[in-house]
Amino acid sequence: MKPSLTRRQIASVLLIPAPVPLAAQPPNDLEQAQQDVAKNRDILAKYALPMAVEPAFQFKA
């Protein structure tokens, strides 16, 4: 018994792209953002601000 393939079946097999190898995992964006926030928090902690200081903007609902 010889298995027979149609031209369409052969074409479908040949046209399937080869799997793309997975690239190295990029650094986790969340971890990077948390590290950036922690670094900025440490920098800002060096400056003493009185509690009476208000932000230069207002939240409006």
PDB file of N, CA and C in Angstrom:
ATOM      1  N   MET A   1       0.831  -1.182   0.000  1.00  0.00           N
ATOM      2  CA  MET A   1       0.000   0.000   0.000  1.00  0.00           C
ATOM      3  C   MET A   1       0.878   1.248   0.000  1.00  0.00           C
ATOM      4  N   LYS A   2       0.677   2.015  -0.978  1.00  0.00           N
ATOM      5  CA  LYS A   2       1.452   3.241  -1.123  1.00  0.00           C
ATOM      6  C   LYS A   2       0.532   4.427  -0.803  1.00  0.00           C
ATOM      7  N   PRO A   3       0.857   5.195   0.236  1.00  0.00           N
ATOM      8  CA  PRO A   3      -0.008   6.338   0.536  1.00  0.00           C
ATOM      9  C   PRO A   3       0.150   7.399  -0.553  1.00  0.00           C
ATOM     10  N   SER A   4      -0.949   7.855  -1.048  1.00  0.00           N
ATOM     11  CA  SER A   4      -0.890   8.860  -2.115  1.00  0.00           C
ATOM     12  C   SER A   4      -1.324  10.214  -1.559  1.00  0.00           C
ATOM     13  N   LEU A   5      -0.573  11.207  -1.923  1.00  0.00           N
ATOM     14  CA  LEU A   5      -0.888  12.572  -1.532  1.00  0.00           C
ATOM     15  C   LEU A   5      -1.286  13.357  -2.771  1.00  0.00           C
ATOM     16  N   THR A   6      -2.281  14.172  -2.608  1.00  0.00           N
ATOM     17  CA  THR A   6      -2.696  15.018  -3.723  1.00  0.00           C
ATOM     18  C   THR A   6      -1.743  16.211  -3.812  1.00  0.00           C
ATOM     19  N   ARG A   7      -1.814  16.907  -4.912  1.00  0.00           N
ATOM     20  CA  ARG A   7      -0.968  18.089  -5.085  1.00  0.00           C
ATOM     21  C   ARG A   7      -1.310  19.151  -4.039  1.00  0.00           C
ATOM     22  N   ARG A   8      -2.568  19.254  -3.694  1.00  0.00           N
ATOM     23  CA  ARG A   8      -2.970  20.240  -2.684  1.00  0.00           C
ATOM     24  C   ARG A   8      -2.400  19.885  -1.311  1.00  0.00           C
ATOM     25  N   GLN A   9      -2.409  18.624  -0.971  1.00  0.00           N
ATOM     26  CA  GLN A   9      -1.857  18.200   0.312  1.00  0.00           C
ATOM     27  C   GLN A   9      -0.351  18.450   0.354  1.00  0.00           C
ATOM     28  N   ILE A  10       0.330  18.155  -0.733  1.00  0.00           N
ATOM     29  CA  ILE A  10       1.773  18.394  -0.795  1.00  0.00           C
ATOM     30  C   ILE A  10       2.059  19.893  -0.687  1.00  0.00           C
ATOM     31  N   ALA A  11       1.272  20.704  -1.395  1.00  0.00           N
ATOM     32  CA  ALA A  11       1.471  22.151  -1.353  1.00  0.00           C
ATOM     33  C   ALA A  11       1.204  22.690   0.052  1.00  0.00           C
ATOM     34  N   SER A  12       0.185  22.167   0.716  1.00  0.00           N
ATOM     35  CA  SER A  12      -0.116  22.658   2.060  1.00  0.00           C
ATOM     36  C   SER A  12       1.010  22.311   3.032  1.00  0.00           C
ATOM     37  N   VAL A  13       1.621  21.155   2.850  1.00  0.00           N
ATOM     38  CA  VAL A  13       2.738  20.771   3.713  1.00  0.00           C
ATOM     39  C   VAL A  13       3.955  21.645   3.422  1.00  0.00           C
ATOM     40  N   LEU A  14       4.212  21.935   2.169  1.00  0.00           N
ATOM     41  CA  LEU A  14       5.388  22.718   1.811  1.00  0.00           C
ATOM     42  C   LEU A  14       5.237  24.197   2.157  1.00  0.00           C
ATOM     43  N   LEU A  15       4.000  24.684   2.190  1.00  0.00           N
ATOM     44  CA  LEU A  15       3.777  26.104   2.442  1.00  0.00           C
ATOM     45  C   LEU A  15       3.685  26.440   3.927  1.00  0.00           C
ATOM     46  N   ILE A  16       3.654  25.442   4.778  1.00  0.00           N
ATOM     47  CA  ILE A  16       3.608  25.707   6.211  1.00  0.00           C
ATOM     48  C   ILE A  16       4.973  26.262   6.623  1.00  0.00           C
ATOM     49  N   PRO A  17       4.984  27.449   7.224  1.00  0.00           N
ATOM     50  CA  PRO A  17       6.281  28.020   7.610  1.00  0.00           C
ATOM     51  C   PRO A  17       6.911  27.216   8.745  1.00  0.00           C
ATOM     52  N   ALA A  18       8.205  27.191   8.732  1.00  0.00           N
ATOM     53  CA  ALA A  18       8.939  26.501   9.792  1.00  0.00           C
ATOM     54  C   ALA A  18       8.748  27.270  11.091  1.00  0.00           C
ATOM     55  N   PRO A  19       8.682  26.584  12.204  1.00  0.00           N
ATOM     56  CA  PRO A  19       8.499  27.304  13.469  1.00  0.00           C
ATOM     57  C   PRO A  19       9.689  28.219  13.746  1.00  0.00           C
ATOM     58  N   VAL A  20       9.362  29.417  14.177  1.00  0.00           N
ATOM     59  CA  VAL A  20      10.389  30.407  14.469  1.00  0.00           C
ATOM     60  C   VAL A  20      10.941  30.116  15.863  1.00  0.00           C
ATOM     61  N   PRO A  21      12.244  30.014  15.994  1.00  0.00           N
ATOM     62  CA  PRO A  21      12.796  29.760  17.330  1.00  0.00           C
ATOM     63  C   PRO A  21      12.483  30.925  18.262  1.00  0.00           C
ATOM     64  N   LEU A  22      12.181  30.602  19.501  1.00  0.00           N
ATOM     65  CA  LEU A  22      11.850  31.634  20.468  1.00  0.00           C
ATOM     66  C   LEU A  22      13.091  32.443  20.811  1.00  0.00           C
ATOM     67  N   ALA A  23      12.904  33.739  20.816  1.00  0.00           N
ATOM     68  CA  ALA A  23      14.006  34.629  21.180  1.00  0.00           C
ATOM     69  C   ALA A  23      14.187  34.581  22.692  1.00  0.00           C
ATOM     70  N   ALA A  24      15.309  35.051  23.134  1.00  0.00           N
ATOM     71  CA  ALA A  24      15.552  35.115  24.573  1.00  0.00           C
ATOM     72  C   ALA A  24      14.493  36.004  25.206  1.00  0.00           C
ATOM     73  N   GLN A  25      14.068  35.638  26.384  1.00  0.00           N
ATOM     74  CA  GLN A  25      13.024  36.397  27.067  1.00  0.00           C
ATOM     75  C   GLN A  25      13.507  37.818  27.344  1.00  0.00           C
ATOM     76  N   PRO A  26      12.722  38.818  26.921  1.00  0.00           N
ATOM     77  CA  PRO A  26      13.102  40.191  27.226  1.00  0.00           C
ATOM     78  C   PRO A  26      12.932  40.439  28.725  1.00  0.00           C
ATOM     79  N   PRO A  27      13.619  41.424  29.258  1.00  0.00           N
ATOM     80  CA  PRO A  27      13.466  41.698  30.688  1.00  0.00           C
ATOM     81  C   PRO A  27      12.017  42.067  30.986  1.00  0.00           C
ATOM     82  N   ASN A  28      11.581  41.658  32.137  1.00  0.00           N
ATOM     83  CA  ASN A  28      10.199  41.894  32.524  1.00  0.00           C
ATOM     84  C   ASN A  28       9.976  43.394  32.695  1.00  0.00           C
ATOM     85  N   ASP A  29       9.027  43.946  31.956  1.00  0.00           N
ATOM     86  CA  ASP A  29       8.761  45.379  31.997  1.00  0.00           C
ATOM     87  C   ASP A  29       8.267  45.809  33.374  1.00  0.00           C
ATOM     88  N   LEU A  30       7.461  44.961  34.007  1.00  0.00           N
ATOM     89  CA  LEU A  30       6.941  45.305  35.325  1.00  0.00           C
ATOM     90  C   LEU A  30       8.069  45.418  36.344  1.00  0.00           C
ATOM     91  N   GLU A  31       8.973  44.466  36.329  1.00  0.00           N
ATOM     92  CA  GLU A  31      10.099  44.520  37.263  1.00  0.00           C
ATOM     93  C   GLU A  31      10.965  45.748  37.003  1.00  0.00           C
ATOM     94  N   GLN A  32      11.186  46.057  35.743  1.00  0.00           N
ATOM     95  CA  GLN A  32      11.997  47.230  35.389  1.00  0.00           C
ATOM     96  C   GLN A  32      11.308  48.503  35.865  1.00  0.00           C
ATOM     97  N   ALA A  33       9.993  48.598  35.692  1.00  0.00           N
ATOM     98  CA  ALA A  33       9.255  49.782  36.134  1.00  0.00           C
ATOM     99  C   ALA A  33       9.302  49.907  37.654  1.00  0.00           C
ATOM    100  N   GLN A  34       9.171  48.788  38.358  1.00  0.00           N
ATOM    101  CA  GLN A  34       9.236  48.829  39.823  1.00  0.00           C
ATOM    102  C   GLN A  34      10.614  49.278  40.290  1.00  0.00           C
ATOM    103  N   GLN A  35      11.653  48.825  39.627  1.00  0.00           N
ATOM    104  CA  GLN A  35      13.008  49.249  39.990  1.00  0.00           C
ATOM    105  C   GLN A  35      13.195  50.742  39.733  1.00  0.00           C
ATOM    106  N   ASP A  36      12.635  51.239  38.621  1.00  0.00           N
ATOM    107  CA  ASP A  36      12.743  52.664  38.306  1.00  0.00           C
ATOM    108  C   ASP A  36      12.019  53.508  39.353  1.00  0.00           C
ATOM    109  N   VAL A  37      10.826  53.062  39.756  1.00  0.00           N
ATOM    110  CA  VAL A  37      10.055  53.793  40.767  1.00  0.00           C
ATOM    111  C   VAL A  37      10.807  53.798  42.093  1.00  0.00           C
ATOM    112  N   ALA A  38      11.367  52.660  42.467  1.00  0.00           N
ATOM    113  CA  ALA A  38      12.116  52.585  43.725  1.00  0.00           C
ATOM    114  C   ALA A  38      13.337  53.501  43.686  1.00  0.00           C
ATOM    115  N   LYS A  39      14.028  53.534  42.553  1.00  0.00           N
ATOM    116  CA  LYS A  39      15.204  54.396  42.419  1.00  0.00           C
ATOM    117  C   LYS A  39      14.803  55.870  42.527  1.00  0.00           C
ATOM    118  N   ASN A  40      13.717  56.250  41.854  1.00  0.00           N
ATOM    119  CA  ASN A  40      13.255  57.641  41.915  1.00  0.00           C
ATOM    120  C   ASN A  40      12.770  57.995  43.316  1.00  0.00           C
ATOM    121  N   ARG A  41      12.115  57.041  43.995  1.00  0.00           N
ATOM    122  CA  ARG A  41      11.650  57.272  45.362  1.00  0.00           C
ATOM    123  C   ARG A  41      12.837  57.540  46.283  1.00  0.00           C
ATOM    124  N   ASP A  42      13.905  56.772  46.113  1.00  0.00           N
ATOM    125  CA  ASP A  42      15.092  56.965  46.947  1.00  0.00           C
ATOM    126  C   ASP A  42      15.741  58.325  46.686  1.00  0.00           C
ATOM    127  N   ILE A  43      15.753  58.746  45.441  1.00  0.00           N
ATOM    128  CA  ILE A  43      16.325  60.056  45.102  1.00  0.00           C
ATOM    129  C   ILE A  43      15.490  61.169  45.721  1.00  0.00           C
ATOM    130  N   LEU A  44      14.153  61.061  45.615  1.00  0.00           N
ATOM    131  CA  LEU A  44      13.282  62.101  46.157  1.00  0.00           C
ATOM    132  C   LEU A  44      13.271  62.104  47.680  1.00  0.00           C
ATOM    133  N   ALA A  45      13.558  60.975  48.305  1.00  0.00           N
ATOM    134  CA  ALA A  45      13.558  60.900  49.769  1.00  0.00           C
ATOM    135  C   ALA A  45      14.689  61.730  50.369  1.00  0.00           C
ATOM    136  N   LYS A  46      15.669  62.093  49.579  1.00  0.00           N
ATOM    137  CA  LYS A  46      16.792  62.891  50.075  1.00  0.00           C
ATOM    138  C   LYS A  46      16.388  64.341  50.344  1.00  0.00           C
ATOM    139  N   TYR A  47      15.292  64.797  49.738  1.00  0.00           N
ATOM    140  CA  TYR A  47      14.856  66.181  49.865  1.00  0.00           C
ATOM    141  C   TYR A  47      13.682  66.263  50.826  1.00  0.00           C
ATOM    142  N   ALA A  48      13.793  67.152  51.807  1.00  0.00           N
ATOM    143  CA  ALA A  48      12.717  67.324  52.783  1.00  0.00           C
ATOM    144  C   ALA A  48      11.707  68.339  52.246  1.00  0.00           C
ATOM    145  N   LEU A  49      10.452  67.936  52.184  1.00  0.00           N
ATOM    146  CA  LEU A  49       9.378  68.829  51.755  1.00  0.00           C
ATOM    147  C   LEU A  49       8.348  68.904  52.878  1.00  0.00           C
ATOM    148  N   PRO A  50       7.920  70.121  53.228  1.00  0.00           N
ATOM    149  CA  PRO A  50       6.880  70.218  54.249  1.00  0.00           C
ATOM    150  C   PRO A  50       5.552  69.686  53.706  1.00  0.00           C
ATOM    151  N   MET A  51       4.694  69.234  54.617  1.00  0.00           N
ATOM    152  CA  MET A  51       3.412  68.667  54.205  1.00  0.00           C
ATOM    153  C   MET A  51       2.507  69.728  53.576  1.00  0.00           C
ATOM    154  N   ALA A  52       2.790  71.005  53.812  1.00  0.00           N
ATOM    155  CA  ALA A  52       1.960  72.071  53.271  1.00  0.00           C
ATOM    156  C   ALA A  52       2.193  72.272  51.774  1.00  0.00           C
ATOM    157  N   VAL A  53       3.209  71.667  51.233  1.00  0.00           N
ATOM    158  CA  VAL A  53       3.506  71.825  49.809  1.00  0.00           C
ATOM    159  C   VAL A  53       2.421  71.118  49.002  1.00  0.00           C
ATOM    160  N   GLU A  54       1.858  71.843  48.057  1.00  0.00           N
ATOM    161  CA  GLU A  54       0.799  71.280  47.225  1.00  0.00           C
ATOM    162  C   GLU A  54       1.345  71.021  45.826  1.00  0.00           C
ATOM    163  N   PRO A  55       0.760  70.079  45.133  1.00  0.00           N
ATOM    164  CA  PRO A  55       1.197  69.842  43.756  1.00  0.00           C
ATOM    165  C   PRO A  55       0.821  71.017  42.859  1.00  0.00           C
ATOM    166  N   ALA A  56       1.466  71.129  41.741  1.00  0.00           N
ATOM    167  CA  ALA A  56       1.236  72.234  40.819  1.00  0.00           C
ATOM    168  C   ALA A  56       0.016  71.991  39.935  1.00  0.00           C
ATOM    169  N   PHE A  57      -0.760  70.981  40.233  1.00  0.00           N
ATOM    170  CA  PHE A  57      -1.947  70.691  39.433  1.00  0.00           C
ATOM    171  C   PHE A  57      -3.074  70.285  40.369  1.00  0.00           C
ATOM    172  N   GLN A  58      -4.286  70.313  39.825  1.00  0.00           N
ATOM    173  CA  GLN A  58      -5.457  69.935  40.612  1.00  0.00           C
ATOM    174  C   GLN A  58      -6.211  68.850  39.871  1.00  0.00           C
ATOM    175  N   PHE A  59      -6.695  67.882  40.629  1.00  0.00           N
ATOM    176  CA  PHE A  59      -7.516  66.836  40.037  1.00  0.00           C
ATOM    177  C   PHE A  59      -8.951  67.326  39.977  1.00  0.00           C
ATOM    178  N   LYS A  60      -9.553  67.241  38.832  1.00  0.00           N
ATOM    179  CA  LYS A  60     -10.947  67.653  38.683  1.00  0.00           C
ATOM    180  C   LYS A  60     -11.754  66.456  38.219  1.00  0.00           C
ATOM    181  N   ALA A  61     -12.862  66.240  38.885  1.00  0.00           N
ATOM    182  CA  ALA A  61     -13.714  65.102  38.532  1.00  0.00           C
ATOM    183  C   ALA A  61     -14.714  65.483  37.475  1.00  0.00           C
TER     184      ALA A  61
END
